[in-house]
């Protein structure tokens, strides 16, 4: 599972989350997608099985993530336990609605 965080106003906020189907290394991608990965410095793409939009976005400070020492861009790749992920989802569901989004590929 990956949580998507973006600055909304002045606050980092959860804007969505996705369930990962697979990660595809750039060497295994078609030429056009591989070229984009190389231009952007990405190692490959993440294919989501499920993707949800959080509406309205929920500020990170309103979740257990407010207690972690990292903030902003340093949340990228921050490991969460299953219990932490479940706690974040509970907080999100209490403050916002989840809308299934069209699944897409995210480059990493």
N, C-alpha and C. Protein backbone atom coordinates (compact mmCIF):
# COMPACT_ATOMS: atom_id res chain seq x y z
N UNK A 1 0.85 -1.17 0.00
CA UNK A 1 0.00 0.00 0.00
C UNK A 1 0.89 1.23 0.00
N UNK A 2 0.46 2.23 -0.75
CA UNK A 2 1.17 3.50 -0.80
C UNK A 2 0.18 4.62 -0.52
N UNK A 3 0.53 5.52 0.39
CA UNK A 3 -0.26 6.71 0.63
C UNK A 3 0.31 7.84 -0.23
N UNK A 4 -0.58 8.61 -0.83
CA UNK A 4 -0.17 9.73 -1.67
C UNK A 4 -0.36 11.02 -0.88
N UNK A 5 0.71 11.78 -0.73
CA UNK A 5 0.70 13.01 0.06
C UNK A 5 1.09 14.16 -0.86
N UNK A 6 0.37 15.29 -0.71
CA UNK A 6 0.64 16.47 -1.51
C UNK A 6 0.38 17.69 -0.63
N UNK A 7 1.08 18.76 -0.90
CA UNK A 7 0.86 19.99 -0.14
C UNK A 7 -0.46 20.61 -0.62
N UNK A 8 -1.39 20.79 0.31
CA UNK A 8 -2.67 21.43 0.04
C UNK A 8 -2.71 22.67 0.91
N UNK A 9 -2.67 23.83 0.28
CA UNK A 9 -2.52 25.06 1.05
C UNK A 9 -1.13 25.06 1.66
N UNK A 10 -1.05 25.17 2.98
CA UNK A 10 0.26 25.15 3.65
C UNK A 10 0.55 23.82 4.32
N UNK A 11 -0.38 22.87 4.21
CA UNK A 11 -0.22 21.60 4.95
C UNK A 11 -0.02 20.43 4.01
N UNK A 12 0.88 19.52 4.40
CA UNK A 12 0.98 18.23 3.70
C UNK A 12 -0.29 17.46 4.02
N UNK A 13 -0.92 16.95 2.97
CA UNK A 13 -2.19 16.25 3.17
C UNK A 13 -2.23 14.95 2.38
N UNK A 14 -2.97 13.98 2.94
CA UNK A 14 -3.21 12.72 2.24
C UNK A 14 -4.26 12.98 1.18
N UNK A 15 -3.91 12.68 -0.07
CA UNK A 15 -4.83 12.91 -1.18
C UNK A 15 -5.32 11.60 -1.80
N UNK A 16 -4.70 10.49 -1.42
CA UNK A 16 -5.11 9.21 -1.96
C UNK A 16 -4.25 8.09 -1.43
N UNK A 17 -4.63 6.88 -1.81
CA UNK A 17 -3.78 5.73 -1.50
C UNK A 17 -4.05 4.66 -2.55
N UNK A 18 -3.09 3.78 -2.70
CA UNK A 18 -3.22 2.73 -3.70
C UNK A 18 -2.70 1.40 -3.21
N UNK A 19 -3.26 0.35 -3.76
CA UNK A 19 -2.82 -1.01 -3.50
C UNK A 19 -1.96 -1.42 -4.70
N UNK A 20 -0.73 -1.81 -4.42
CA UNK A 20 0.23 -2.11 -5.48
C UNK A 20 -0.05 -3.49 -6.08
N UNK A 21 -0.09 -3.54 -7.40
CA UNK A 21 -0.18 -4.82 -8.10
C UNK A 21 1.21 -5.35 -8.40
N UNK A 22 2.07 -4.46 -8.94
CA UNK A 22 3.43 -4.88 -9.25
C UNK A 22 4.32 -3.66 -9.51
N UNK A 23 5.62 -3.91 -9.43
CA UNK A 23 6.62 -2.92 -9.81
C UNK A 23 7.32 -3.47 -11.04
N UNK A 24 7.44 -2.65 -12.09
CA UNK A 24 8.07 -3.09 -13.33
C UNK A 24 9.36 -2.29 -13.50
N UNK A 25 10.49 -3.00 -13.52
CA UNK A 25 11.79 -2.37 -13.73
C UNK A 25 11.82 -1.71 -15.10
N UNK A 26 12.53 -0.58 -15.20
CA UNK A 26 12.54 0.16 -16.46
C UNK A 26 13.08 -0.66 -17.62
N UNK A 27 13.99 -1.61 -17.34
CA UNK A 27 14.55 -2.45 -18.40
C UNK A 27 13.49 -3.35 -19.05
N UNK A 28 12.40 -3.59 -18.33
CA UNK A 28 11.34 -4.46 -18.83
C UNK A 28 10.21 -3.69 -19.54
N UNK A 29 10.33 -2.37 -19.61
CA UNK A 29 9.28 -1.53 -20.19
C UNK A 29 9.48 -1.34 -21.69
N UNK A 30 8.40 -0.98 -22.40
CA UNK A 30 8.55 -0.61 -23.81
C UNK A 30 9.47 0.60 -23.93
N UNK A 31 10.08 0.76 -25.08
CA UNK A 31 11.09 1.81 -25.31
C UNK A 31 10.62 3.20 -24.89
N UNK A 32 9.40 3.60 -25.27
CA UNK A 32 8.93 4.95 -24.95
C UNK A 32 8.80 5.17 -23.44
N UNK A 33 8.29 4.17 -22.72
CA UNK A 33 8.17 4.30 -21.26
C UNK A 33 9.54 4.24 -20.60
N UNK A 34 10.44 3.42 -21.11
CA UNK A 34 11.80 3.33 -20.57
C UNK A 34 12.52 4.67 -20.73
N UNK A 35 12.32 5.32 -21.87
CA UNK A 35 12.95 6.62 -22.12
C UNK A 35 12.47 7.66 -21.10
N UNK A 36 11.17 7.66 -20.83
CA UNK A 36 10.63 8.60 -19.83
C UNK A 36 11.25 8.33 -18.47
N UNK A 37 11.35 7.07 -18.08
CA UNK A 37 11.97 6.72 -16.80
C UNK A 37 13.41 7.22 -16.73
N UNK A 38 14.15 7.04 -17.80
CA UNK A 38 15.55 7.49 -17.81
C UNK A 38 15.64 9.00 -17.73
N UNK A 39 14.77 9.71 -18.45
CA UNK A 39 14.77 11.18 -18.41
C UNK A 39 14.45 11.71 -17.01
N UNK A 40 13.55 11.00 -16.30
CA UNK A 40 13.11 11.45 -14.99
C UNK A 40 13.96 10.88 -13.85
N UNK A 41 14.85 9.94 -14.17
CA UNK A 41 15.68 9.33 -13.14
C UNK A 41 14.94 8.28 -12.32
N UNK A 42 13.88 7.70 -12.90
CA UNK A 42 13.09 6.68 -12.21
C UNK A 42 13.65 5.30 -12.47
N UNK A 43 13.46 4.39 -11.54
CA UNK A 43 13.93 3.00 -11.67
C UNK A 43 12.92 2.12 -12.38
N UNK A 44 11.68 2.55 -12.47
CA UNK A 44 10.63 1.76 -13.09
C UNK A 44 9.28 2.36 -12.79
N UNK A 45 8.23 1.53 -12.91
CA UNK A 45 6.88 2.02 -12.67
C UNK A 45 6.16 1.12 -11.68
N UNK A 46 5.26 1.72 -10.91
CA UNK A 46 4.40 1.01 -9.99
C UNK A 46 3.04 0.88 -10.66
N UNK A 47 2.54 -0.33 -10.75
CA UNK A 47 1.21 -0.57 -11.30
C UNK A 47 0.27 -0.80 -10.13
N UNK A 48 -0.78 0.01 -10.04
CA UNK A 48 -1.74 -0.12 -8.94
C UNK A 48 -2.86 -1.08 -9.33
N UNK A 49 -3.26 -1.91 -8.36
CA UNK A 49 -4.41 -2.77 -8.51
C UNK A 49 -5.67 -1.99 -8.16
N UNK A 50 -5.59 -1.19 -7.11
CA UNK A 50 -6.69 -0.33 -6.67
C UNK A 50 -6.11 1.04 -6.35
N UNK A 51 -6.88 2.08 -6.62
CA UNK A 51 -6.43 3.44 -6.35
C UNK A 51 -7.63 4.24 -5.85
N UNK A 52 -7.44 4.99 -4.75
CA UNK A 52 -8.53 5.75 -4.15
C UNK A 52 -8.12 7.20 -3.95
N UNK A 53 -9.06 8.09 -4.23
CA UNK A 53 -8.89 9.52 -3.98
C UNK A 53 -9.53 9.83 -2.63
N UNK A 54 -8.83 10.61 -1.82
CA UNK A 54 -9.34 11.05 -0.52
C UNK A 54 -9.92 12.44 -0.72
N UNK A 55 -11.23 12.59 -0.44
CA UNK A 55 -11.90 13.87 -0.70
C UNK A 55 -12.78 14.25 0.48
N UNK A 56 -12.49 15.35 1.13
CA UNK A 56 -11.39 16.27 0.87
C UNK A 56 -10.08 15.69 1.42
N UNK A 57 -8.95 16.25 0.96
CA UNK A 57 -7.65 15.79 1.49
C UNK A 57 -7.60 15.91 3.01
N UNK A 58 -6.91 14.98 3.64
CA UNK A 58 -6.80 14.96 5.11
C UNK A 58 -5.38 15.36 5.49
N UNK A 59 -5.23 16.44 6.28
CA UNK A 59 -3.89 16.86 6.69
C UNK A 59 -3.14 15.74 7.42
N UNK A 60 -1.87 15.59 7.10
CA UNK A 60 -1.02 14.58 7.74
C UNK A 60 -1.04 14.77 9.25
N UNK A 61 -1.09 16.02 9.70
CA UNK A 61 -1.07 16.30 11.14
C UNK A 61 -2.29 15.74 11.86
N UNK A 62 -3.34 15.36 11.12
CA UNK A 62 -4.54 14.78 11.73
C UNK A 62 -4.49 13.25 11.80
N UNK A 63 -3.33 12.69 11.52
CA UNK A 63 -3.14 11.24 11.57
C UNK A 63 -1.96 10.91 12.49
N UNK A 64 -1.70 9.64 12.66
CA UNK A 64 -0.56 9.24 13.49
C UNK A 64 0.77 9.68 12.89
N UNK A 65 0.76 10.06 11.61
CA UNK A 65 2.00 10.54 10.99
C UNK A 65 2.50 11.84 11.63
N UNK A 66 1.64 12.53 12.35
CA UNK A 66 2.07 13.75 13.04
C UNK A 66 3.11 13.43 14.11
N UNK A 67 3.15 12.19 14.58
CA UNK A 67 4.07 11.79 15.64
C UNK A 67 5.43 11.34 15.11
N UNK A 68 5.55 11.12 13.81
CA UNK A 68 6.84 10.67 13.29
C UNK A 68 7.77 11.87 13.13
N UNK A 69 9.05 11.59 13.18
CA UNK A 69 10.03 12.67 13.15
C UNK A 69 10.25 13.26 11.77
N UNK A 70 9.89 12.53 10.72
CA UNK A 70 10.12 13.03 9.37
C UNK A 70 8.91 13.81 8.89
N UNK A 71 9.16 14.82 8.06
CA UNK A 71 8.10 15.67 7.53
C UNK A 71 8.38 15.91 6.04
N UNK A 72 7.35 16.38 5.35
CA UNK A 72 7.50 16.79 3.96
C UNK A 72 8.06 15.70 3.07
N UNK A 73 9.05 16.09 2.24
CA UNK A 73 9.60 15.15 1.26
C UNK A 73 10.26 13.94 1.91
N UNK A 74 10.57 14.03 3.19
CA UNK A 74 11.22 12.92 3.87
C UNK A 74 10.24 11.80 4.24
N UNK A 75 8.93 12.05 4.03
CA UNK A 75 7.95 10.99 4.21
C UNK A 75 8.04 9.98 3.07
N UNK A 76 8.63 10.37 1.94
CA UNK A 76 8.75 9.49 0.78
C UNK A 76 9.51 8.23 1.17
N UNK A 77 8.84 7.10 1.02
CA UNK A 77 9.48 5.82 1.35
C UNK A 77 9.47 5.48 2.83
N UNK A 78 8.83 6.31 3.66
CA UNK A 78 8.80 6.04 5.10
C UNK A 78 8.05 4.73 5.36
N UNK A 79 8.68 3.77 6.05
CA UNK A 79 8.03 2.48 6.27
C UNK A 79 6.96 2.57 7.36
N UNK A 80 5.81 1.96 7.08
CA UNK A 80 4.72 1.91 8.04
C UNK A 80 4.42 0.45 8.39
N UNK A 81 4.04 0.24 9.63
CA UNK A 81 3.56 -1.09 10.02
C UNK A 81 2.11 -1.23 9.54
N UNK A 82 1.61 -2.46 9.53
CA UNK A 82 0.21 -2.68 9.16
C UNK A 82 -0.71 -1.91 10.10
N UNK A 83 -0.37 -1.89 11.38
CA UNK A 83 -1.19 -1.19 12.37
C UNK A 83 -1.21 0.32 12.09
N UNK A 84 -0.06 0.90 11.71
CA UNK A 84 -0.02 2.33 11.38
C UNK A 84 -0.86 2.63 10.15
N UNK A 85 -0.75 1.78 9.13
CA UNK A 85 -1.52 1.99 7.90
C UNK A 85 -3.02 1.91 8.21
N UNK A 86 -3.42 0.94 9.02
CA UNK A 86 -4.83 0.81 9.39
C UNK A 86 -5.30 2.03 10.18
N UNK A 87 -4.46 2.56 11.06
CA UNK A 87 -4.81 3.75 11.83
C UNK A 87 -5.00 4.95 10.92
N UNK A 88 -4.12 5.10 9.94
CA UNK A 88 -4.25 6.21 8.99
C UNK A 88 -5.55 6.07 8.21
N UNK A 89 -5.87 4.87 7.74
CA UNK A 89 -7.11 4.66 7.00
C UNK A 89 -8.34 4.97 7.86
N UNK A 90 -8.30 4.59 9.12
CA UNK A 90 -9.43 4.91 10.02
C UNK A 90 -9.60 6.42 10.15
N UNK A 91 -8.48 7.14 10.31
CA UNK A 91 -8.55 8.60 10.43
C UNK A 91 -9.09 9.22 9.15
N UNK A 92 -8.64 8.71 8.02
CA UNK A 92 -9.10 9.23 6.73
C UNK A 92 -10.59 8.99 6.57
N UNK A 93 -11.06 7.78 6.87
CA UNK A 93 -12.47 7.44 6.69
C UNK A 93 -13.37 8.24 7.62
N UNK A 94 -12.84 8.67 8.79
CA UNK A 94 -13.62 9.47 9.72
C UNK A 94 -13.74 10.92 9.26
N UNK A 95 -12.83 11.39 8.40
CA UNK A 95 -12.80 12.80 8.01
C UNK A 95 -13.14 13.05 6.55
N UNK A 96 -13.16 12.00 5.72
CA UNK A 96 -13.32 12.21 4.29
C UNK A 96 -13.98 10.99 3.65
N UNK A 97 -14.27 11.14 2.39
CA UNK A 97 -14.79 9.98 1.65
C UNK A 97 -13.69 9.47 0.72
N UNK A 98 -13.80 8.19 0.39
CA UNK A 98 -12.86 7.56 -0.53
C UNK A 98 -13.60 7.31 -1.83
N UNK A 99 -12.99 7.75 -2.92
CA UNK A 99 -13.58 7.53 -4.23
C UNK A 99 -12.61 6.71 -5.05
N UNK A 100 -13.11 5.59 -5.58
CA UNK A 100 -12.23 4.76 -6.40
C UNK A 100 -11.84 5.55 -7.65
N UNK A 101 -10.56 5.58 -7.90
CA UNK A 101 -10.03 6.31 -9.05
C UNK A 101 -9.66 5.32 -10.13
N UNK A 102 -9.52 5.83 -11.32
CA UNK A 102 -9.06 5.01 -12.44
C UNK A 102 -7.64 4.58 -12.12
N UNK A 103 -7.37 3.30 -12.21
CA UNK A 103 -6.02 2.79 -11.93
C UNK A 103 -5.07 3.24 -13.02
N UNK A 104 -3.88 3.55 -12.62
CA UNK A 104 -2.86 4.00 -13.55
C UNK A 104 -1.51 3.53 -13.07
N UNK A 105 -0.52 3.81 -13.87
CA UNK A 105 0.85 3.44 -13.54
C UNK A 105 1.56 4.67 -13.00
N UNK A 106 2.27 4.52 -11.90
CA UNK A 106 3.03 5.60 -11.29
C UNK A 106 4.49 5.28 -11.42
N UNK A 107 5.25 6.22 -11.90
CA UNK A 107 6.69 5.99 -12.06
C UNK A 107 7.42 6.27 -10.77
N UNK A 108 8.45 5.50 -10.53
CA UNK A 108 9.23 5.65 -9.30
C UNK A 108 10.70 5.60 -9.62
